[in-house]
Amino acid sequence: MSESPPKSTPSAIAINGFALRVIRERTGEKVADLAQAMQVDRSYITKIENGTSKRVSVDFYKRLLAHLAIADHRTLLAAPVFNESVA
């Protein structure tokens, strides 16, 4: 039997900016507040939410999930799959 090569960790993750905006707005957080918490420029959050920036680093994605208290890592994925892990 041949073994399949180990899966590599992605360097960037496709993110669903619209979902991010909906969740951020439902929590009552402003773009500026989220940007400050994430230590990025406000325009970066806006670009993600508008779909201009479609990929984010794995580290940024994990920090975003933690900040928004999202337990299921698939929540903000652009194309969620059930066997993918970002952990």
PDB file of N, CA and C in Angstrom:
ATOM      1  N   MET A   1       0.839  -1.180   0.000  1.00  0.00           N
ATOM      2  CA  MET A   1       0.000   0.000   0.000  1.00  0.00           C
ATOM      3  C   MET A   1       0.881   1.239   0.000  1.00  0.00           C
ATOM      4  N   SER A   2       0.507   2.188  -0.793  1.00  0.00           N
ATOM      5  CA  SER A   2       1.269   3.436  -0.792  1.00  0.00           C
ATOM      6  C   SER A   2       0.577   4.435   0.131  1.00  0.00           C
ATOM      7  N   GLU A   3       1.407   5.178   0.831  1.00  0.00           N
ATOM      8  CA  GLU A   3       0.880   6.182   1.741  1.00  0.00           C
ATOM      9  C   GLU A   3       0.730   7.494   0.996  1.00  0.00           C
ATOM     10  N   SER A   4      -0.326   8.199   1.302  1.00  0.00           N
ATOM     11  CA  SER A   4      -0.497   9.511   0.683  1.00  0.00           C
ATOM     12  C   SER A   4       0.398  10.502   1.409  1.00  0.00           C
ATOM     13  N   PRO A   5       0.868  11.524   0.685  1.00  0.00           N
ATOM     14  CA  PRO A   5       1.744  12.505   1.315  1.00  0.00           C
ATOM     15  C   PRO A   5       0.992  13.269   2.397  1.00  0.00           C
ATOM     16  N   PRO A   6       1.713  13.749   3.406  1.00  0.00           N
ATOM     17  CA  PRO A   6       1.033  14.499   4.462  1.00  0.00           C
ATOM     18  C   PRO A   6       0.420  15.772   3.910  1.00  0.00           C
ATOM     19  N   LYS A   7      -0.720  16.157   4.492  1.00  0.00           N
ATOM     20  CA  LYS A   7      -1.390  17.377   4.052  1.00  0.00           C
ATOM     21  C   LYS A   7      -0.592  18.579   4.525  1.00  0.00           C
ATOM     22  N   SER A   8      -0.430  19.534   3.649  1.00  0.00           N
ATOM     23  CA  SER A   8       0.278  20.741   4.037  1.00  0.00           C
ATOM     24  C   SER A   8      -0.707  21.734   4.652  1.00  0.00           C
ATOM     25  N   THR A   9      -0.195  22.551   5.511  1.00  0.00           N
ATOM     26  CA  THR A   9      -1.012  23.572   6.138  1.00  0.00           C
ATOM     27  C   THR A   9      -1.149  24.737   5.172  1.00  0.00           C
ATOM     28  N   PRO A  10      -2.362  25.233   4.954  1.00  0.00           N
ATOM     29  CA  PRO A  10      -2.525  26.347   4.026  1.00  0.00           C
ATOM     30  C   PRO A  10      -1.887  27.614   4.590  1.00  0.00           C
ATOM     31  N   SER A  11      -1.358  28.461   3.702  1.00  0.00           N
ATOM     32  CA  SER A  11      -0.769  29.719   4.157  1.00  0.00           C
ATOM     33  C   SER A  11      -1.814  30.822   4.180  1.00  0.00           C
ATOM     34  N   ALA A  12      -2.899  30.633   3.439  1.00  0.00           N
ATOM     35  CA  ALA A  12      -3.984  31.616   3.417  1.00  0.00           C
ATOM     36  C   ALA A  12      -5.306  30.874   3.299  1.00  0.00           C
ATOM     37  N   ILE A  13      -6.342  31.520   3.810  1.00  0.00           N
ATOM     38  CA  ILE A  13      -7.674  30.912   3.832  1.00  0.00           C
ATOM     39  C   ILE A  13      -8.655  31.838   3.126  1.00  0.00           C
ATOM     40  N   ALA A  14      -9.474  31.263   2.241  1.00  0.00           N
ATOM     41  CA  ALA A  14     -10.524  32.036   1.578  1.00  0.00           C
ATOM     42  C   ALA A  14     -11.616  32.320   2.596  1.00  0.00           C
ATOM     43  N   ILE A  15     -11.947  33.593   2.760  1.00  0.00           N
ATOM     44  CA  ILE A  15     -12.884  34.009   3.792  1.00  0.00           C
ATOM     45  C   ILE A  15     -14.159  34.576   3.172  1.00  0.00           C
ATOM     46  N   ASN A  16     -15.271  34.362   3.844  1.00  0.00           N
ATOM     47  CA  ASN A  16     -16.562  34.888   3.408  1.00  0.00           C
ATOM     48  C   ASN A  16     -16.751  36.254   4.075  1.00  0.00           C
ATOM     49  N   GLY A  17     -16.437  37.305   3.343  1.00  0.00           N
ATOM     50  CA  GLY A  17     -16.513  38.655   3.884  1.00  0.00           C
ATOM     51  C   GLY A  17     -17.919  39.074   4.273  1.00  0.00           C
ATOM     52  N   PHE A  18     -18.902  38.642   3.503  1.00  0.00           N
ATOM     53  CA  PHE A  18     -20.289  38.991   3.830  1.00  0.00           C
ATOM     54  C   PHE A  18     -20.682  38.403   5.178  1.00  0.00           C
ATOM     55  N   ALA A  19     -20.301  37.140   5.413  1.00  0.00           N
ATOM     56  CA  ALA A  19     -20.605  36.506   6.696  1.00  0.00           C
ATOM     57  C   ALA A  19     -19.912  37.247   7.835  1.00  0.00           C
ATOM     58  N   LEU A  20     -18.679  37.675   7.601  1.00  0.00           N
ATOM     59  CA  LEU A  20     -17.968  38.445   8.619  1.00  0.00           C
ATOM     60  C   LEU A  20     -18.725  39.725   8.951  1.00  0.00           C
ATOM     61  N   ARG A  21     -19.182  40.426   7.930  1.00  0.00           N
ATOM     62  CA  ARG A  21     -19.919  41.671   8.163  1.00  0.00           C
ATOM     63  C   ARG A  21     -21.195  41.417   8.962  1.00  0.00           C
ATOM     64  N   VAL A  22     -21.941  40.384   8.572  1.00  0.00           N
ATOM     65  CA  VAL A  22     -23.198  40.081   9.268  1.00  0.00           C
ATOM     66  C   VAL A  22     -22.933  39.773  10.743  1.00  0.00           C
ATOM     67  N   ILE A  23     -21.935  38.945  11.006  1.00  0.00           N
ATOM     68  CA  ILE A  23     -21.620  38.588  12.395  1.00  0.00           C
ATOM     69  C   ILE A  23     -21.128  39.813  13.156  1.00  0.00           C
ATOM     70  N   ARG A  24     -20.265  40.601  12.551  1.00  0.00           N
ATOM     71  CA  ARG A  24     -19.752  41.796  13.217  1.00  0.00           C
ATOM     72  C   ARG A  24     -20.887  42.758  13.552  1.00  0.00           C
ATOM     73  N   GLU A  25     -21.780  42.990  12.598  1.00  0.00           N
ATOM     74  CA  GLU A  25     -22.893  43.910  12.827  1.00  0.00           C
ATOM     75  C   GLU A  25     -23.843  43.376  13.900  1.00  0.00           C
ATOM     76  N   ARG A  26     -24.077  42.065  13.907  1.00  0.00           N
ATOM     77  CA  ARG A  26     -24.978  41.475  14.913  1.00  0.00           C
ATOM     78  C   ARG A  26     -24.401  41.575  16.317  1.00  0.00           C
ATOM     79  N   THR A  27     -23.076  41.600  16.421  1.00  0.00           N
ATOM     80  CA  THR A  27     -22.453  41.745  17.742  1.00  0.00           C
ATOM     81  C   THR A  27     -22.362  43.209  18.150  1.00  0.00           C
ATOM     82  N   GLY A  28     -22.714  44.110  17.225  1.00  0.00           N
ATOM     83  CA  GLY A  28     -22.690  45.537  17.531  1.00  0.00           C
ATOM     84  C   GLY A  28     -21.306  46.160  17.445  1.00  0.00           C
ATOM     85  N   GLU A  29     -20.356  45.435  16.896  1.00  0.00           N
ATOM     86  CA  GLU A  29     -18.989  45.934  16.800  1.00  0.00           C
ATOM     87  C   GLU A  29     -18.811  46.757  15.529  1.00  0.00           C
ATOM     88  N   LYS A  30     -18.146  47.867  15.651  1.00  0.00           N
ATOM     89  CA  LYS A  30     -17.857  48.729  14.504  1.00  0.00           C
ATOM     90  C   LYS A  30     -16.593  48.238  13.812  1.00  0.00           C
ATOM     91  N   VAL A  31     -16.449  48.592  12.537  1.00  0.00           N
ATOM     92  CA  VAL A  31     -15.275  48.200  11.765  1.00  0.00           C
ATOM     93  C   VAL A  31     -14.007  48.650  12.481  1.00  0.00           C
ATOM     94  N   ALA A  32     -14.007  49.893  12.964  1.00  0.00           N
ATOM     95  CA  ALA A  32     -12.825  50.432  13.637  1.00  0.00           C
ATOM     96  C   ALA A  32     -12.476  49.633  14.895  1.00  0.00           C
ATOM     97  N   ASP A  33     -13.489  49.201  15.627  1.00  0.00           N
ATOM     98  CA  ASP A  33     -13.250  48.420  16.843  1.00  0.00           C
ATOM     99  C   ASP A  33     -12.658  47.048  16.520  1.00  0.00           C
ATOM    100  N   LEU A  34     -13.201  46.397  15.493  1.00  0.00           N
ATOM    101  CA  LEU A  34     -12.680  45.100  15.082  1.00  0.00           C
ATOM    102  C   LEU A  34     -11.246  45.245  14.576  1.00  0.00           C
ATOM    103  N   ALA A  35     -11.004  46.265  13.779  1.00  0.00           N
ATOM    104  CA  ALA A  35      -9.659  46.501  13.254  1.00  0.00           C
ATOM    105  C   ALA A  35      -8.659  46.713  14.390  1.00  0.00           C
ATOM    106  N   GLN A  36      -9.042  47.490  15.376  1.00  0.00           N
ATOM    107  CA  GLN A  36      -8.157  47.736  16.507  1.00  0.00           C
ATOM    108  C   GLN A  36      -7.890  46.439  17.276  1.00  0.00           C
ATOM    109  N   ALA A  37      -8.923  45.658  17.510  1.00  0.00           N
ATOM    110  CA  ALA A  37      -8.770  44.392  18.222  1.00  0.00           C
ATOM    111  C   ALA A  37      -7.874  43.422  17.452  1.00  0.00           C
ATOM    112  N   MET A  38      -7.965  43.462  16.123  1.00  0.00           N
ATOM    113  CA  MET A  38      -7.188  42.556  15.281  1.00  0.00           C
ATOM    114  C   MET A  38      -5.814  43.132  14.926  1.00  0.00           C
ATOM    115  N   GLN A  39      -5.573  44.371  15.337  1.00  0.00           N
ATOM    116  CA  GLN A  39      -4.304  45.064  15.084  1.00  0.00           C
ATOM    117  C   GLN A  39      -4.019  45.207  13.588  1.00  0.00           C
ATOM    118  N   VAL A  40      -5.054  45.610  12.852  1.00  0.00           N
ATOM    119  CA  VAL A  40      -4.923  45.880  11.420  1.00  0.00           C
ATOM    120  C   VAL A  40      -5.593  47.210  11.119  1.00  0.00           C
ATOM    121  N   ASP A  41      -5.346  47.721   9.935  1.00  0.00           N
ATOM    122  CA  ASP A  41      -5.978  48.960   9.522  1.00  0.00           C
ATOM    123  C   ASP A  41      -7.465  48.719   9.238  1.00  0.00           C
ATOM    124  N   ARG A  42      -8.249  49.705   9.518  1.00  0.00           N
ATOM    125  CA  ARG A  42      -9.702  49.629   9.306  1.00  0.00           C
ATOM    126  C   ARG A  42     -10.036  49.276   7.853  1.00  0.00           C
ATOM    127  N   SER A  43      -9.241  49.791   6.920  1.00  0.00           N
ATOM    128  CA  SER A  43      -9.501  49.527   5.498  1.00  0.00           C
ATOM    129  C   SER A  43      -9.349  48.043   5.159  1.00  0.00           C
ATOM    130  N   TYR A  44      -8.495  47.338   5.891  1.00  0.00           N
ATOM    131  CA  TYR A  44      -8.319  45.906   5.639  1.00  0.00           C
ATOM    132  C   TYR A  44      -9.596  45.140   5.966  1.00  0.00           C
ATOM    133  N   ILE A  45     -10.228  45.459   7.095  1.00  0.00           N
ATOM    134  CA  ILE A  45     -11.491  44.812   7.463  1.00  0.00           C
ATOM    135  C   ILE A  45     -12.553  45.131   6.409  1.00  0.00           C
ATOM    136  N   THR A  46     -12.602  46.383   5.977  1.00  0.00           N
ATOM    137  CA  THR A  46     -13.564  46.789   4.952  1.00  0.00           C
ATOM    138  C   THR A  46     -13.337  46.020   3.656  1.00  0.00           C
ATOM    139  N   LYS A  47     -12.084  45.846   3.266  1.00  0.00           N
ATOM    140  CA  LYS A  47     -11.771  45.103   2.036  1.00  0.00           C
ATOM    141  C   LYS A  47     -12.199  43.644   2.147  1.00  0.00           C
ATOM    142  N   ILE A  48     -12.020  43.059   3.318  1.00  0.00           N
ATOM    143  CA  ILE A  48     -12.455  41.669   3.518  1.00  0.00           C
ATOM    144  C   ILE A  48     -13.975  41.589   3.401  1.00  0.00           C
ATOM    145  N   GLU A  49     -14.670  42.486   4.098  1.00  0.00           N
ATOM    146  CA  GLU A  49     -16.129  42.451   4.097  1.00  0.00           C
ATOM    147  C   GLU A  49     -16.719  42.731   2.726  1.00  0.00           C
ATOM    148  N   ASN A  50     -16.062  43.573   1.934  1.00  0.00           N
ATOM    149  CA  ASN A  50     -16.554  43.909   0.588  1.00  0.00           C
ATOM    150  C   ASN A  50     -16.127  42.902  -0.470  1.00  0.00           C
ATOM    151  N   GLY A  51     -15.269  41.964  -0.097  1.00  0.00           N
ATOM    152  CA  GLY A  51     -14.817  40.949  -1.046  1.00  0.00           C
ATOM    153  C   GLY A  51     -13.615  41.345  -1.866  1.00  0.00           C
ATOM    154  N   THR A  52     -13.019  42.501  -1.586  1.00  0.00           N
ATOM    155  CA  THR A  52     -11.809  42.918  -2.301  1.00  0.00           C
ATOM    156  C   THR A  52     -10.633  42.052  -1.881  1.00  0.00           C
ATOM    157  N   SER A  53     -10.511  41.794  -0.583  1.00  0.00           N
ATOM    158  CA  SER A  53      -9.518  40.857  -0.055  1.00  0.00           C
ATOM    159  C   SER A  53     -10.257  39.566   0.247  1.00  0.00           C
ATOM    160  N   LYS A  54      -9.951  38.533  -0.520  1.00  0.00           N
ATOM    161  CA  LYS A  54     -10.702  37.281  -0.403  1.00  0.00           C
ATOM    162  C   LYS A  54      -9.978  36.223   0.410  1.00  0.00           C
ATOM    163  N   ARG A  55      -8.693  36.465   0.732  1.00  0.00           N
ATOM    164  CA  ARG A  55      -7.913  35.490   1.482  1.00  0.00           C
ATOM    165  C   ARG A  55      -7.217  36.187   2.643  1.00  0.00           C
ATOM    166  N   VAL A  56      -7.135  35.479   3.762  1.00  0.00           N
ATOM    167  CA  VAL A  56      -6.442  35.994   4.942  1.00  0.00           C
ATOM    168  C   VAL A  56      -5.479  34.926   5.435  1.00  0.00           C
ATOM    169  N   SER A  57      -4.505  35.340   6.225  1.00  0.00           N
ATOM    170  CA  SER A  57      -3.552  34.371   6.764  1.00  0.00           C
ATOM    171  C   SER A  57      -4.259  33.450   7.754  1.00  0.00           C
ATOM    172  N   VAL A  58      -3.683  32.286   7.944  1.00  0.00           N
ATOM    173  CA  VAL A  58      -4.241  31.326   8.895  1.00  0.00           C
ATOM    174  C   VAL A  58      -4.248  31.942  10.292  1.00  0.00           C
ATOM    175  N   ASP A  59      -3.160  32.628  10.647  1.00  0.00           N
ATOM    176  CA  ASP A  59      -3.075  33.251  11.963  1.00  0.00           C
ATOM    177  C   ASP A  59      -4.177  34.291  12.151  1.00  0.00           C
ATOM    178  N   PHE A  60      -4.383  35.146  11.141  1.00  0.00           N
ATOM    179  CA  PHE A  60      -5.423  36.162  11.219  1.00  0.00           C
ATOM    180  C   PHE A  60      -6.792  35.506  11.362  1.00  0.00           C
ATOM    181  N   TYR A  61      -7.039  34.455  10.596  1.00  0.00           N
ATOM    182  CA  TYR A  61      -8.329  33.749  10.636  1.00  0.00           C
ATOM    183  C   TYR A  61      -8.589  33.186  12.030  1.00  0.00           C
ATOM    184  N   LYS A  62      -7.577  32.552  12.620  1.00  0.00           N
ATOM    185  CA  LYS A  62      -7.732  31.984  13.963  1.00  0.00           C
ATOM    186  C   LYS A  62      -8.005  33.081  14.992  1.00  0.00           C
ATOM    187  N   ARG A  63      -7.277  34.198  14.892  1.00  0.00           N
ATOM    188  CA  ARG A  63      -7.486  35.297  15.830  1.00  0.00           C
ATOM    189  C   ARG A  63      -8.870  35.907  15.659  1.00  0.00           C
ATOM    190  N   LEU A  64      -9.342  35.980  14.420  1.00  0.00           N
ATOM    191  CA  LEU A  64     -10.665  36.518  14.134  1.00  0.00           C
ATOM    192  C   LEU A  64     -11.750  35.631  14.751  1.00  0.00           C
ATOM    193  N   LEU A  65     -11.625  34.328  14.566  1.00  0.00           N
ATOM    194  CA  LEU A  65     -12.584  33.398  15.169  1.00  0.00           C
ATOM    195  C   LEU A  65     -12.592  33.533  16.693  1.00  0.00           C
ATOM    196  N   ALA A  66     -11.411  33.636  17.283  1.00  0.00           N
ATOM    197  CA  ALA A  66     -11.326  33.763  18.739  1.00  0.00           C
ATOM    198  C   ALA A  66     -11.947  35.076  19.205  1.00  0.00           C
ATOM    199  N   HIS A  67     -11.651  36.158  18.516  1.00  0.00           N
ATOM    200  CA  HIS A  67     -12.188  37.460  18.910  1.00  0.00           C
ATOM    201  C   HIS A  67     -13.715  37.487  18.834  1.00  0.00           C
ATOM    202  N   LEU A  68     -14.260  36.879  17.793  1.00  0.00           N
ATOM    203  CA  LEU A  68     -15.708  36.879  17.606  1.00  0.00           C
ATOM    204  C   LEU A  68     -16.388  35.727  18.352  1.00  0.00           C
ATOM    205  N   ALA A  69     -15.606  34.942  19.089  1.00  0.00           N
ATOM    206  CA  ALA A  69     -16.108  33.806  19.858  1.00  0.00           C
ATOM    207  C   ALA A  69     -16.875  32.818  18.975  1.00  0.00           C
ATOM    208  N   ILE A  70     -16.286  32.506  17.822  1.00  0.00           N
ATOM    209  CA  ILE A  70     -16.878  31.554  16.883  1.00  0.00           C
ATOM    210  C   ILE A  70     -16.206  30.200  17.093  1.00  0.00           C
ATOM    211  N   ALA A  71     -16.975  29.212  17.480  1.00  0.00           N
ATOM    212  CA  ALA A  71     -16.429  27.886  17.787  1.00  0.00           C
ATOM    213  C   ALA A  71     -16.184  27.041  16.534  1.00  0.00           C
ATOM    214  N   ASP A  72     -17.052  27.131  15.544  1.00  0.00           N
ATOM    215  CA  ASP A  72     -16.937  26.316  14.333  1.00  0.00           C
ATOM    216  C   ASP A  72     -16.099  27.064  13.302  1.00  0.00           C
ATOM    217  N   HIS A  73     -14.905  26.556  13.014  1.00  0.00           N
ATOM    218  CA  HIS A  73     -13.984  27.247  12.112  1.00  0.00           C
ATOM    219  C   HIS A  73     -14.539  27.403  10.694  1.00  0.00           C
ATOM    220  N   ARG A  74     -15.575  26.665  10.341  1.00  0.00           N
ATOM    221  CA  ARG A  74     -16.138  26.757   8.989  1.00  0.00           C
ATOM    222  C   ARG A  74     -17.048  27.962   8.812  1.00  0.00           C
ATOM    223  N   THR A  75     -17.412  28.616   9.881  1.00  0.00           N
ATOM    224  CA  THR A  75     -18.391  29.700   9.840  1.00  0.00           C
ATOM    225  C   THR A  75     -18.025  30.797   8.852  1.00  0.00           C
ATOM    226  N   LEU A  76     -16.776  31.181   8.784  1.00  0.00           N
ATOM    227  CA  LEU A  76     -16.358  32.281   7.908  1.00  0.00           C
ATOM    228  C   LEU A  76     -15.642  31.823   6.647  1.00  0.00           C
ATOM    229  N   LEU A  77     -15.597  30.524   6.405  1.00  0.00           N
ATOM    230  CA  LEU A  77     -14.934  30.034   5.193  1.00  0.00           C
ATOM    231  C   LEU A  77     -15.759  30.374   3.966  1.00  0.00           C
ATOM    232  N   ALA A  78     -15.073  30.736   2.884  1.00  0.00           N
ATOM    233  CA  ALA A  78     -15.768  31.047   1.641  1.00  0.00           C
ATOM    234  C   ALA A  78     -16.405  29.796   1.055  1.00  0.00           C
ATOM    235  N   ALA A  79     -15.725  28.660   1.191  1.00  0.00           N
ATOM    236  CA  ALA A  79     -16.252  27.395   0.681  1.00  0.00           C
ATOM    237  C   ALA A  79     -16.030  26.334   1.747  1.00  0.00           C
ATOM    238  N   PRO A  80     -16.890  26.288   2.759  1.00  0.00           N
ATOM    239  CA  PRO A  80     -16.661  25.358   3.863  1.00  0.00           C
ATOM    240  C   PRO A  80     -16.732  23.900   3.429  1.00  0.00           C
ATOM    241  N   VAL A  81     -15.820  23.123   3.958  1.00  0.00           N
ATOM    242  CA  VAL A  81     -15.833  21.675   3.767  1.00  0.00           C
ATOM    243  C   VAL A  81     -15.789  21.041   5.143  1.00  0.00           C
ATOM    244  N   PHE A  82     -16.326  19.867   5.255  1.00  0.00           N
ATOM    245  CA  PHE A  82     -16.488  19.272   6.566  1.00  0.00           C
ATOM    246  C   PHE A  82     -15.256  18.554   7.079  1.00  0.00           C
ATOM    247  N   ASN A  83     -14.275  18.280   6.230  1.00  0.00           N
ATOM    248  CA  ASN A  83     -13.097  17.563   6.704  1.00  0.00           C
ATOM    249  C   ASN A  83     -11.847  18.442   6.767  1.00  0.00           C
ATOM    250  N   GLU A  84     -11.983  19.730   6.544  1.00  0.00           N
ATOM    251  CA  GLU A  84     -10.841  20.645   6.574  1.00  0.00           C
ATOM    252  C   GLU A  84     -10.682  21.208   7.972  1.00  0.00           C
ATOM    253  N   SER A  85      -9.441  21.374   8.389  1.00  0.00           N
ATOM    254  CA  SER A  85      -9.161  21.903   9.709  1.00  0.00           C
ATOM    255  C   SER A  85      -8.154  23.029   9.604  1.00  0.00           C
ATOM    256  N   VAL A  86      -8.342  24.077  10.405  1.00  0.00           N
ATOM    257  CA  VAL A  86      -7.375  25.170  10.454  1.00  0.00           C
ATOM    258  C   VAL A  86      -6.632  25.142  11.788  1.00  0.00           C
ATOM    259  N   ALA A  87      -6.918  24.145  12.591  1.00  0.00           N
ATOM    260  CA  ALA A  87      -6.300  24.057  13.931  1.00  0.00           C
ATOM    261  C   ALA A  87      -4.867  23.635  13.851  1.00  0.00           C
TER     262      ALA A  87
END
